[in-house]
Amino acid sequence: MCRNIKPLFNFDPVVTDEEIRAASLQFVRKISGFTEPSKANEEAFELAVNEVSLIARKLMESLVTNAEPRNREVEMERARARNAKRFGTGEA
């Protein structure tokens, strides 16, 4: 499940709120053990996702680097090539 959490820092274009929320949701799912919480836990689950999102946004805004921003499309192509090599899908 955590493999779905992608690096979000130093990309062009910058990270969106939707990407931060998706990563936060994956994190909360992982540590809670719930893909979907029960009705009894739904409020706590959503609160956790919202709070993790806020903290992640704050982190993204406070990080600094001298490196050039990475291109999302180039990084996705590199990931596809690594996966093709690793899993032998023949798409390299």
Protein backbone atom coordinates (compact mmCIF):
# COMPACT_ATOMS: atom_id res chain seq x y z
CA MET A 1 0.00 0.00 0.00
CA CYS A 2 2.78 2.49 0.82
CA ARG A 3 4.31 1.99 -2.61
CA ASN A 4 1.43 4.16 -3.83
CA ILE A 5 2.77 7.15 -1.92
CA LYS A 6 4.88 9.07 -4.41
CA PRO A 7 7.51 11.71 -3.72
CA LEU A 8 5.84 15.11 -3.96
CA PHE A 9 8.68 17.59 -3.47
CA ASN A 10 10.56 19.50 -6.18
CA PHE A 11 8.38 18.82 -9.19
CA ASP A 12 7.31 21.10 -12.00
CA PRO A 13 4.42 21.78 -11.84
CA VAL A 14 4.30 21.93 -8.05
CA VAL A 15 2.33 19.42 -6.02
CA THR A 16 -1.44 19.90 -5.93
CA ASP A 17 -3.78 19.64 -2.96
CA GLU A 18 -5.31 16.55 -4.59
CA GLU A 19 -1.91 14.82 -4.73
CA ILE A 20 -1.21 15.67 -1.11
CA ARG A 21 -4.64 14.38 -0.07
CA ALA A 22 -4.13 11.13 -2.03
CA ALA A 23 -0.77 10.53 -0.32
CA SER A 24 -2.30 11.39 3.06
CA LEU A 25 -5.16 8.97 2.46
CA GLN A 26 -2.71 6.18 1.59
CA PHE A 27 -0.70 6.92 4.73
CA VAL A 28 -3.77 6.86 7.00
CA ARG A 29 -5.01 3.67 5.32
CA LYS A 30 -1.66 2.02 5.95
CA ILE A 31 -1.29 2.92 9.60
CA SER A 32 -4.96 2.31 10.45
CA GLY A 33 -5.21 -0.95 8.53
CA PHE A 34 -8.49 0.23 6.95
CA THR A 35 -9.07 0.65 3.25
CA GLU A 36 -12.49 2.03 4.10
CA PRO A 37 -13.30 2.76 7.74
CA SER A 38 -16.47 1.55 9.40
CA LYS A 39 -19.20 4.11 10.12
CA ALA A 40 -18.00 4.17 13.73
CA ASN A 41 -14.47 5.14 12.64
CA GLU A 42 -15.31 7.28 9.61
CA GLU A 43 -15.11 10.64 11.40
CA ALA A 44 -11.75 9.86 13.04
CA PHE A 45 -10.40 8.51 9.74
CA GLU A 46 -11.39 11.64 7.79
CA LEU A 47 -10.03 13.90 10.52
CA ALA A 48 -6.70 12.08 10.35
CA VAL A 49 -6.55 12.39 6.54
CA ASN A 50 -7.32 16.11 6.76
CA GLU A 51 -4.71 16.73 9.46
CA VAL A 52 -2.01 14.74 7.68
CA SER A 53 -2.82 16.69 4.49
CA LEU A 54 -2.39 20.00 6.31
CA ILE A 55 0.94 18.94 7.79
CA ALA A 56 2.15 17.56 4.45
CA ARG A 57 1.25 20.86 2.73
CA LYS A 58 3.14 22.77 5.42
CA LEU A 59 6.15 20.50 4.91
CA MET A 60 6.08 20.94 1.11
CA GLU A 61 5.96 24.71 1.52
CA SER A 62 8.86 24.80 4.00
CA LEU A 63 11.31 22.51 2.16
CA VAL A 64 14.08 24.15 0.12
CA THR A 65 16.46 22.85 -2.53
CA ASN A 66 18.98 24.15 -5.03
CA ALA A 67 18.22 21.28 -7.42
CA GLU A 68 16.30 21.85 -10.62
CA PRO A 69 12.64 20.76 -10.40
CA ARG A 70 11.97 17.29 -11.76
CA ASN A 71 9.61 16.77 -14.67
CA ARG A 72 6.62 14.57 -13.80
CA GLU A 73 6.38 12.98 -17.25
CA VAL A 74 10.08 12.10 -17.34
CA GLU A 75 9.88 10.59 -13.84
CA MET A 76 6.79 8.53 -14.78
CA GLU A 77 8.59 7.21 -17.88
CA ARG A 78 11.61 6.24 -15.77
CA ALA A 79 9.32 4.43 -13.32
CA ARG A 80 7.62 2.56 -16.18
CA ALA A 81 11.00 1.48 -17.53
CA ARG A 82 12.14 0.29 -14.07
CA ASN A 83 8.90 -1.65 -13.61
CA ALA A 84 9.15 -3.21 -17.06
CA LYS A 85 12.69 -4.35 -16.29
CA ARG A 86 11.78 -5.52 -12.80
CA PHE A 87 8.57 -7.35 -13.66
CA GLY A 88 9.36 -8.29 -17.24
CA THR A 89 6.32 -6.69 -18.83
CA GLY A 90 8.25 -6.06 -22.04
CA GLU A 91 7.40 -2.34 -22.07
CA ALA A 92 10.96 -1.03 -21.67
